[in-house]
Amino acid sequence: MFLYYRIGDTVILHYAKPCHRCIVTQVDPHTGKLMANGEPMRTLKTYRMIEPTLDGPIFANQYGVDICGTVNVGDEVYAEI
């Protein structure tokens, strides 16, 4: 995992915490009710529970902004551990 990202010449992001998958993936879009079988969370929990303190399987990482700026398509991205 990378602790810092620099995008373009100015924008710098820092690692904040892992982000778990939200429960909205379990909602039937036609009825608005939770699916009875608990999928896809049930399957995701079998191999994505790398952070036991969170309520669900890890989906991504959250980053905070250290230095604001403009990000453009084609900007180079640098990662630091």
PDB file of N, CA and C in Angstrom:
ATOM      1  N   MET A   1       0.845  -1.177   0.000  1.00  0.00           N
ATOM      2  CA  MET A   1       0.000   0.000   0.000  1.00  0.00           C
ATOM      3  C   MET A   1       0.891   1.240   0.000  1.00  0.00           C
ATOM      4  N   PHE A   2       0.458   2.270  -0.698  1.00  0.00           N
ATOM      5  CA  PHE A   2       1.227   3.503  -0.778  1.00  0.00           C
ATOM      6  C   PHE A   2       0.730   4.497   0.257  1.00  0.00           C
ATOM      7  N   LEU A   3       1.652   5.201   0.887  1.00  0.00           N
ATOM      8  CA  LEU A   3       1.286   6.160   1.918  1.00  0.00           C
ATOM      9  C   LEU A   3       1.017   7.548   1.360  1.00  0.00           C
ATOM     10  N   TYR A   4       1.644   7.864   0.227  1.00  0.00           N
ATOM     11  CA  TYR A   4       1.441   9.171  -0.388  1.00  0.00           C
ATOM     12  C   TYR A   4       1.306   9.028  -1.894  1.00  0.00           C
ATOM     13  N   TYR A   5       0.488   9.869  -2.483  1.00  0.00           N
ATOM     14  CA  TYR A   5       0.401   9.998  -3.941  1.00  0.00           C
ATOM     15  C   TYR A   5       0.609  11.456  -4.303  1.00  0.00           C
ATOM     16  N   ARG A   6       1.380  11.697  -5.353  1.00  0.00           N
ATOM     17  CA  ARG A   6       1.502  13.038  -5.916  1.00  0.00           C
ATOM     18  C   ARG A   6       0.941  12.962  -7.316  1.00  0.00           C
ATOM     19  N   ILE A   7       0.017  13.863  -7.615  1.00  0.00           N
ATOM     20  CA  ILE A   7      -0.623  13.896  -8.926  1.00  0.00           C
ATOM     21  C   ILE A   7      -0.256  15.211  -9.590  1.00  0.00           C
ATOM     22  N   GLY A   8       0.335  15.114 -10.777  1.00  0.00           N
ATOM     23  CA  GLY A   8       0.793  16.318 -11.464  1.00  0.00           C
ATOM     24  C   GLY A   8       1.905  16.981 -10.685  1.00  0.00           C
ATOM     25  N   ASP A   9       1.916  18.310 -10.706  1.00  0.00           N
ATOM     26  CA  ASP A   9       2.995  19.052 -10.052  1.00  0.00           C
ATOM     27  C   ASP A   9       2.702  19.438  -8.611  1.00  0.00           C
ATOM     28  N   THR A  10       1.425  19.435  -8.196  1.00  0.00           N
ATOM     29  CA  THR A  10       1.137  19.997  -6.884  1.00  0.00           C
ATOM     30  C   THR A  10       0.315  19.129  -5.950  1.00  0.00           C
ATOM     31  N   VAL A  11      -0.634  18.372  -6.430  1.00  0.00           N
ATOM     32  CA  VAL A  11      -1.575  17.674  -5.557  1.00  0.00           C
ATOM     33  C   VAL A  11      -0.874  16.526  -4.825  1.00  0.00           C
ATOM     34  N   ILE A  12      -1.038  16.502  -3.492  1.00  0.00           N
ATOM     35  CA  ILE A  12      -0.478  15.424  -2.688  1.00  0.00           C
ATOM     36  C   ILE A  12      -1.579  14.856  -1.793  1.00  0.00           C
ATOM     37  N   LEU A  13      -1.716  13.525  -1.834  1.00  0.00           N
ATOM     38  CA  LEU A  13      -2.697  12.805  -1.021  1.00  0.00           C
ATOM     39  C   LEU A  13      -1.961  11.900  -0.046  1.00  0.00           C
ATOM     40  N   HIS A  14      -2.532  11.702   1.150  1.00  0.00           N
ATOM     41  CA  HIS A  14      -1.943  10.774   2.114  1.00  0.00           C
ATOM     42  C   HIS A  14      -2.950   9.682   2.460  1.00  0.00           C
ATOM     43  N   TYR A  15      -2.433   8.496   2.735  1.00  0.00           N
ATOM     44  CA  TYR A  15      -3.278   7.366   3.112  1.00  0.00           C
ATOM     45  C   TYR A  15      -3.965   7.656   4.440  1.00  0.00           C
ATOM     46  N   ALA A  16      -5.266   7.399   4.509  1.00  0.00           N
ATOM     47  CA  ALA A  16      -6.010   7.609   5.744  1.00  0.00           C
ATOM     48  C   ALA A  16      -6.427   6.278   6.379  1.00  0.00           C
ATOM     49  N   LYS A  17      -7.145   5.436   5.615  1.00  0.00           N
ATOM     50  CA  LYS A  17      -7.608   4.159   6.172  1.00  0.00           C
ATOM     51  C   LYS A  17      -8.219   3.302   5.071  1.00  0.00           C
ATOM     52  N   PRO A  18      -8.391   2.011   5.344  1.00  0.00           N
ATOM     53  CA  PRO A  18      -9.078   1.174   4.371  1.00  0.00           C
ATOM     54  C   PRO A  18     -10.574   1.506   4.362  1.00  0.00           C
ATOM     55  N   CYS A  19     -11.212   1.206   3.285  1.00  0.00           N
ATOM     56  CA  CYS A  19     -12.641   1.514   3.116  1.00  0.00           C
ATOM     57  C   CYS A  19     -13.379   0.209   2.841  1.00  0.00           C
ATOM     58  N   HIS A  20     -14.388  -0.076   3.646  1.00  0.00           N
ATOM     59  CA  HIS A  20     -15.137  -1.309   3.425  1.00  0.00           C
ATOM     60  C   HIS A  20     -16.244  -1.103   2.392  1.00  0.00           C
ATOM     61  N   ARG A  21     -16.692  -2.209   1.828  1.00  0.00           N
ATOM     62  CA  ARG A  21     -17.743  -2.179   0.803  1.00  0.00           C
ATOM     63  C   ARG A  21     -19.053  -1.843   1.468  1.00  0.00           C
ATOM     64  N   CYS A  22     -19.805  -0.909   0.920  1.00  0.00           N
ATOM     65  CA  CYS A  22     -21.060  -0.492   1.528  1.00  0.00           C
ATOM     66  C   CYS A  22     -22.162  -1.518   1.264  1.00  0.00           C
ATOM     67  N   ILE A  23     -23.176  -1.455   2.080  1.00  0.00           N
ATOM     68  CA  ILE A  23     -24.267  -2.426   2.031  1.00  0.00           C
ATOM     69  C   ILE A  23     -25.201  -2.224   0.829  1.00  0.00           C
ATOM     70  N   VAL A  24     -25.064  -1.107   0.132  1.00  0.00           N
ATOM     71  CA  VAL A  24     -25.971  -0.830  -0.982  1.00  0.00           C
ATOM     72  C   VAL A  24     -25.887  -1.905  -2.072  1.00  0.00           C
ATOM     73  N   THR A  25     -24.807  -2.645  -2.129  1.00  0.00           N
ATOM     74  CA  THR A  25     -24.696  -3.724  -3.120  1.00  0.00           C
ATOM     75  C   THR A  25     -25.673  -4.851  -2.832  1.00  0.00           C
ATOM     76  N   GLN A  26     -26.239  -4.887  -1.625  1.00  0.00           N
ATOM     77  CA  GLN A  26     -27.179  -5.932  -1.254  1.00  0.00           C
ATOM     78  C   GLN A  26     -28.634  -5.519  -1.456  1.00  0.00           C
ATOM     79  N   VAL A  27     -28.882  -4.326  -1.948  1.00  0.00           N
ATOM     80  CA  VAL A  27     -30.247  -3.832  -2.122  1.00  0.00           C
ATOM     81  C   VAL A  27     -30.745  -4.158  -3.522  1.00  0.00           C
ATOM     82  N   ASP A  28     -31.913  -4.780  -3.575  1.00  0.00           N
ATOM     83  CA  ASP A  28     -32.544  -5.072  -4.862  1.00  0.00           C
ATOM     84  C   ASP A  28     -33.031  -3.748  -5.451  1.00  0.00           C
ATOM     85  N   PRO A  29     -32.525  -3.343  -6.612  1.00  0.00           N
ATOM     86  CA  PRO A  29     -32.899  -2.042  -7.165  1.00  0.00           C
ATOM     87  C   PRO A  29     -34.380  -1.939  -7.556  1.00  0.00           C
ATOM     88  N   HIS A  30     -35.035  -3.058  -7.744  1.00  0.00           N
ATOM     89  CA  HIS A  30     -36.452  -3.038  -8.135  1.00  0.00           C
ATOM     90  C   HIS A  30     -37.391  -2.898  -6.939  1.00  0.00           C
ATOM     91  N   THR A  31     -36.982  -3.453  -5.793  1.00  0.00           N
ATOM     92  CA  THR A  31     -37.862  -3.416  -4.615  1.00  0.00           C
ATOM     93  C   THR A  31     -37.371  -2.480  -3.524  1.00  0.00           C
ATOM     94  N   GLY A  32     -36.055  -2.174  -3.526  1.00  0.00           N
ATOM     95  CA  GLY A  32     -35.486  -1.348  -2.466  1.00  0.00           C
ATOM     96  C   GLY A  32     -35.242  -2.112  -1.179  1.00  0.00           C
ATOM     97  N   LYS A  33     -35.422  -3.438  -1.209  1.00  0.00           N
ATOM     98  CA  LYS A  33     -35.229  -4.271  -0.016  1.00  0.00           C
ATOM     99  C   LYS A  33     -33.913  -5.031  -0.115  1.00  0.00           C
ATOM    100  N   LEU A  34     -33.379  -5.375   1.071  1.00  0.00           N
ATOM    101  CA  LEU A  34     -32.163  -6.173   1.101  1.00  0.00           C
ATOM    102  C   LEU A  34     -32.424  -7.552   0.510  1.00  0.00           C
ATOM    103  N   MET A  35     -31.468  -8.057  -0.256  1.00  0.00           N
ATOM    104  CA  MET A  35     -31.601  -9.389  -0.823  1.00  0.00           C
ATOM    105  C   MET A  35     -31.495 -10.431   0.283  1.00  0.00           C
ATOM    106  N   ALA A  36     -32.359 -11.397   0.261  1.00  0.00           N
ATOM    107  CA  ALA A  36     -32.435 -12.399   1.322  1.00  0.00           C
ATOM    108  C   ALA A  36     -31.172 -13.254   1.418  1.00  0.00           C
ATOM    109  N   ASN A  37     -30.502 -13.502   0.301  1.00  0.00           N
ATOM    110  CA  ASN A  37     -29.335 -14.391   0.330  1.00  0.00           C
ATOM    111  C   ASN A  37     -28.052 -13.692   0.792  1.00  0.00           C
ATOM    112  N   GLY A  38     -28.081 -12.377   1.001  1.00  0.00           N
ATOM    113  CA  GLY A  38     -26.917 -11.647   1.501  1.00  0.00           C
ATOM    114  C   GLY A  38     -25.789 -11.459   0.510  1.00  0.00           C
ATOM    115  N   GLU A  39     -26.022 -11.787  -0.737  1.00  0.00           N
ATOM    116  CA  GLU A  39     -24.993 -11.615  -1.758  1.00  0.00           C
ATOM    117  C   GLU A  39     -24.978 -10.169  -2.243  1.00  0.00           C
ATOM    118  N   PRO A  40     -23.868  -9.649  -2.686  1.00  0.00           N
ATOM    119  CA  PRO A  40     -22.556 -10.280  -2.837  1.00  0.00           C
ATOM    120  C   PRO A  40     -21.688 -10.205  -1.587  1.00  0.00           C
ATOM    121  N   MET A  41     -22.188  -9.563  -0.523  1.00  0.00           N
ATOM    122  CA  MET A  41     -21.375  -9.397   0.687  1.00  0.00           C
ATOM    123  C   MET A  41     -20.953 -10.731   1.292  1.00  0.00           C
ATOM    124  N   ARG A  42     -21.827 -11.719   1.267  1.00  0.00           N
ATOM    125  CA  ARG A  42     -21.499 -13.013   1.858  1.00  0.00           C
ATOM    126  C   ARG A  42     -20.253 -13.605   1.190  1.00  0.00           C
ATOM    127  N   THR A  43     -20.217 -13.560  -0.126  1.00  0.00           N
ATOM    128  CA  THR A  43     -19.060 -14.089  -0.855  1.00  0.00           C
ATOM    129  C   THR A  43     -17.829 -13.217  -0.642  1.00  0.00           C
ATOM    130  N   LEU A  44     -17.991 -11.895  -0.698  1.00  0.00           N
ATOM    131  CA  LEU A  44     -16.852 -10.989  -0.502  1.00  0.00           C
ATOM    132  C   LEU A  44     -16.205 -11.185   0.871  1.00  0.00           C
ATOM    133  N   LYS A  45     -17.013 -11.464   1.883  1.00  0.00           N
ATOM    134  CA  LYS A  45     -16.468 -11.664   3.237  1.00  0.00           C
ATOM    135  C   LYS A  45     -15.602 -12.903   3.340  1.00  0.00           C
ATOM    136  N   THR A  46     -15.709 -13.819   2.396  1.00  0.00           N
ATOM    137  CA  THR A  46     -14.886 -15.031   2.451  1.00  0.00           C
ATOM    138  C   THR A  46     -13.442 -14.771   2.057  1.00  0.00           C
ATOM    139  N   TYR A  47     -13.165 -13.654   1.376  1.00  0.00           N
ATOM    140  CA  TYR A  47     -11.775 -13.417   0.959  1.00  0.00           C
ATOM    141  C   TYR A  47     -11.333 -11.958   1.009  1.00  0.00           C
ATOM    142  N   ARG A  48     -12.188 -11.031   1.410  1.00  0.00           N
ATOM    143  CA  ARG A  48     -11.799  -9.618   1.450  1.00  0.00           C
ATOM    144  C   ARG A  48     -11.817  -9.031   2.864  1.00  0.00           C
ATOM    145  N   MET A  49     -11.887  -9.838   3.899  1.00  0.00           N
ATOM    146  CA  MET A  49     -11.918  -9.343   5.277  1.00  0.00           C
ATOM    147  C   MET A  49     -10.495  -9.193   5.814  1.00  0.00           C
ATOM    148  N   ILE A  50      -9.720  -8.319   5.177  1.00  0.00           N
ATOM    149  CA  ILE A  50      -8.326  -8.142   5.583  1.00  0.00           C
ATOM    150  C   ILE A  50      -8.169  -7.130   6.709  1.00  0.00           C
ATOM    151  N   GLU A  51      -9.242  -6.467   7.085  1.00  0.00           N
ATOM    152  CA  GLU A  51      -9.218  -5.514   8.191  1.00  0.00           C
ATOM    153  C   GLU A  51     -10.376  -5.859   9.127  1.00  0.00           C
ATOM    154  N   PRO A  52     -10.133  -6.711  10.143  1.00  0.00           N
ATOM    155  CA  PRO A  52     -11.215  -7.207  10.994  1.00  0.00           C
ATOM    156  C   PRO A  52     -11.957  -6.131  11.783  1.00  0.00           C
ATOM    157  N   THR A  53     -11.366  -4.953  11.961  1.00  0.00           N
ATOM    158  CA  THR A  53     -12.041  -3.910  12.738  1.00  0.00           C
ATOM    159  C   THR A  53     -13.139  -3.206  11.951  1.00  0.00           C
ATOM    160  N   LEU A  54     -13.202  -3.419  10.639  1.00  0.00           N
ATOM    161  CA  LEU A  54     -14.252  -2.812   9.832  1.00  0.00           C
ATOM    162  C   LEU A  54     -15.453  -3.744   9.748  1.00  0.00           C
ATOM    163  N   ASP A  55     -16.606  -3.182   9.381  1.00  0.00           N
ATOM    164  CA  ASP A  55     -17.848  -3.946   9.348  1.00  0.00           C
ATOM    165  C   ASP A  55     -18.001  -4.831   8.123  1.00  0.00           C
ATOM    166  N   GLY A  56     -17.162  -4.667   7.141  1.00  0.00           N
ATOM    167  CA  GLY A  56     -17.345  -5.437   5.915  1.00  0.00           C
ATOM    168  C   GLY A  56     -16.043  -5.646   5.177  1.00  0.00           C
ATOM    169  N   PRO A  57     -16.136  -6.300   4.031  1.00  0.00           N
ATOM    170  CA  PRO A  57     -14.939  -6.571   3.236  1.00  0.00           C
ATOM    171  C   PRO A  57     -14.331  -5.280   2.678  1.00  0.00           C
ATOM    172  N   ILE A  58     -13.008  -5.285   2.542  1.00  0.00           N
ATOM    173  CA  ILE A  58     -12.309  -4.105   2.040  1.00  0.00           C
ATOM    174  C   ILE A  58     -12.593  -3.919   0.556  1.00  0.00           C
ATOM    175  N   PHE A  59     -12.906  -2.697   0.188  1.00  0.00           N
ATOM    176  CA  PHE A  59     -13.210  -2.364  -1.197  1.00  0.00           C
ATOM    177  C   PHE A  59     -12.147  -1.443  -1.795  1.00  0.00           C
ATOM    178  N   ALA A  60     -11.613  -0.550  -0.980  1.00  0.00           N
ATOM    179  CA  ALA A  60     -10.671   0.455  -1.478  1.00  0.00           C
ATOM    180  C   ALA A  60      -9.916   1.056  -0.297  1.00  0.00           C
ATOM    181  N   ASN A  61      -9.179   2.112  -0.550  1.00  0.00           N
ATOM    182  CA  ASN A  61      -8.501   2.879   0.488  1.00  0.00           C
ATOM    183  C   ASN A  61      -8.973   4.323   0.411  1.00  0.00           C
ATOM    184  N   GLN A  62      -9.017   4.957   1.569  1.00  0.00           N
ATOM    185  CA  GLN A  62      -9.373   6.371   1.608  1.00  0.00           C
ATOM    186  C   GLN A  62      -8.102   7.189   1.791  1.00  0.00           C
ATOM    187  N   TYR A  63      -8.037   8.302   1.080  1.00  0.00           N
ATOM    188  CA  TYR A  63      -6.890   9.205   1.153  1.00  0.00           C
ATOM    189  C   TYR A  63      -7.375  10.602   1.503  1.00  0.00           C
ATOM    190  N   GLY A  64      -6.546  11.343   2.220  1.00  0.00           N
ATOM    191  CA  GLY A  64      -6.821  12.732   2.527  1.00  0.00           C
ATOM    192  C   GLY A  64      -5.967  13.627   1.655  1.00  0.00           C
ATOM    193  N   VAL A  65      -6.384  14.875   1.533  1.00  0.00           N
ATOM    194  CA  VAL A  65      -5.669  15.836   0.693  1.00  0.00           C
ATOM    195  C   VAL A  65      -4.724  16.652   1.560  1.00  0.00           C
ATOM    196  N   ASP A  66      -3.430  16.588   1.243  1.00  0.00           N
ATOM    197  CA  ASP A  66      -2.437  17.417   1.931  1.00  0.00           C
ATOM    198  C   ASP A  66      -2.265  18.753   1.213  1.00  0.00           C
ATOM    199  N   ILE A  67      -2.163  18.709  -0.102  1.00  0.00           N
ATOM    200  CA  ILE A  67      -2.021  19.929  -0.903  1.00  0.00           C
ATOM    201  C   ILE A  67      -3.029  19.869  -2.044  1.00  0.00           C
ATOM    202  N   CYS A  68      -3.899  20.867  -2.096  1.00  0.00           N
ATOM    203  CA  CYS A  68      -4.923  20.942  -3.147  1.00  0.00           C
ATOM    204  C   CYS A  68      -4.321  21.467  -4.447  1.00  0.00           C
ATOM    205  N   GLY A  69      -5.008  21.204  -5.524  1.00  0.00           N
ATOM    206  CA  GLY A  69      -4.583  21.696  -6.820  1.00  0.00           C
ATOM    207  C   GLY A  69      -5.508  21.174  -7.894  1.00  0.00           C
ATOM    208  N   THR A  70      -5.136  21.380  -9.110  1.00  0.00           N
ATOM    209  CA  THR A  70      -5.937  20.927 -10.245  1.00  0.00           C
ATOM    210  C   THR A  70      -5.350  19.632 -10.787  1.00  0.00           C
ATOM    211  N   VAL A  71      -6.228  18.654 -10.999  1.00  0.00           N
ATOM    212  CA  VAL A  71      -5.832  17.374 -11.580  1.00  0.00           C
ATOM    213  C   VAL A  71      -6.396  17.314 -12.988  1.00  0.00           C
ATOM    214  N   ASN A  72      -5.547  16.970 -13.940  1.00  0.00           N
ATOM    215  CA  ASN A  72      -5.969  16.905 -15.341  1.00  0.00           C
ATOM    216  C   ASN A  72      -5.761  15.508 -15.898  1.00  0.00           C
ATOM    217  N   VAL A  73      -6.560  15.146 -16.871  1.00  0.00           N
ATOM    218  CA  VAL A  73      -6.369  13.891 -17.579  1.00  0.00           C
ATOM    219  C   VAL A  73      -4.955  13.901 -18.156  1.00  0.00           C
ATOM    220  N   GLY A  74      -4.238  12.831 -17.950  1.00  0.00           N
ATOM    221  CA  GLY A  74      -2.872  12.739 -18.461  1.00  0.00           C
ATOM    222  C   GLY A  74      -1.803  13.136 -17.455  1.00  0.00           C
ATOM    223  N   ASP A  75      -2.186  13.681 -16.303  1.00  0.00           N
ATOM    224  CA  ASP A  75      -1.193  14.017 -15.272  1.00  0.00           C
ATOM    225  C   ASP A  75      -0.485  12.746 -14.814  1.00  0.00           C
ATOM    226  N   GLU A  76       0.802  12.875 -14.549  1.00  0.00           N
ATOM    227  CA  GLU A  76       1.549  11.744 -14.010  1.00  0.00           C
ATOM    228  C   GLU A  76       1.199  11.569 -12.532  1.00  0.00           C
ATOM    229  N   VAL A  77       1.192  10.313 -12.091  1.00  0.00           N
ATOM    230  CA  VAL A  77       0.910   9.985 -10.696  1.00  0.00           C
ATOM    231  C   VAL A  77       2.129   9.282 -10.125  1.00  0.00           C
ATOM    232  N   TYR A  78       2.603   9.778  -8.993  1.00  0.00           N
ATOM    233  CA  TYR A  78       3.760   9.204  -8.332  1.00  0.00           C
ATOM    234  C   TYR A  78       3.304   8.640  -6.988  1.00  0.00           C
ATOM    235  N   ALA A  79       3.791   7.457  -6.630  1.00  0.00           N
ATOM    236  CA  ALA A  79       3.430   6.826  -5.377  1.00  0.00           C
ATOM    237  C   ALA A  79       4.670   6.635  -4.519  1.00  0.00           C
ATOM    238  N   GLU A  80       4.520   6.861  -3.224  1.00  0.00           N
ATOM    239  CA  GLU A  80       5.613   6.657  -2.285  1.00  0.00           C
ATOM    240  C   GLU A  80       5.139   5.767  -1.153  1.00  0.00           C
ATOM    241  N   ILE A  81       6.010   4.863  -0.755  1.00  0.00           N
ATOM    242  CA  ILE A  81       5.682   3.992   0.382  1.00  0.00           C
ATOM    243  C   ILE A  81       6.118   4.674   1.649  1.00  0.00           C
TER     244      ILE A  81
END
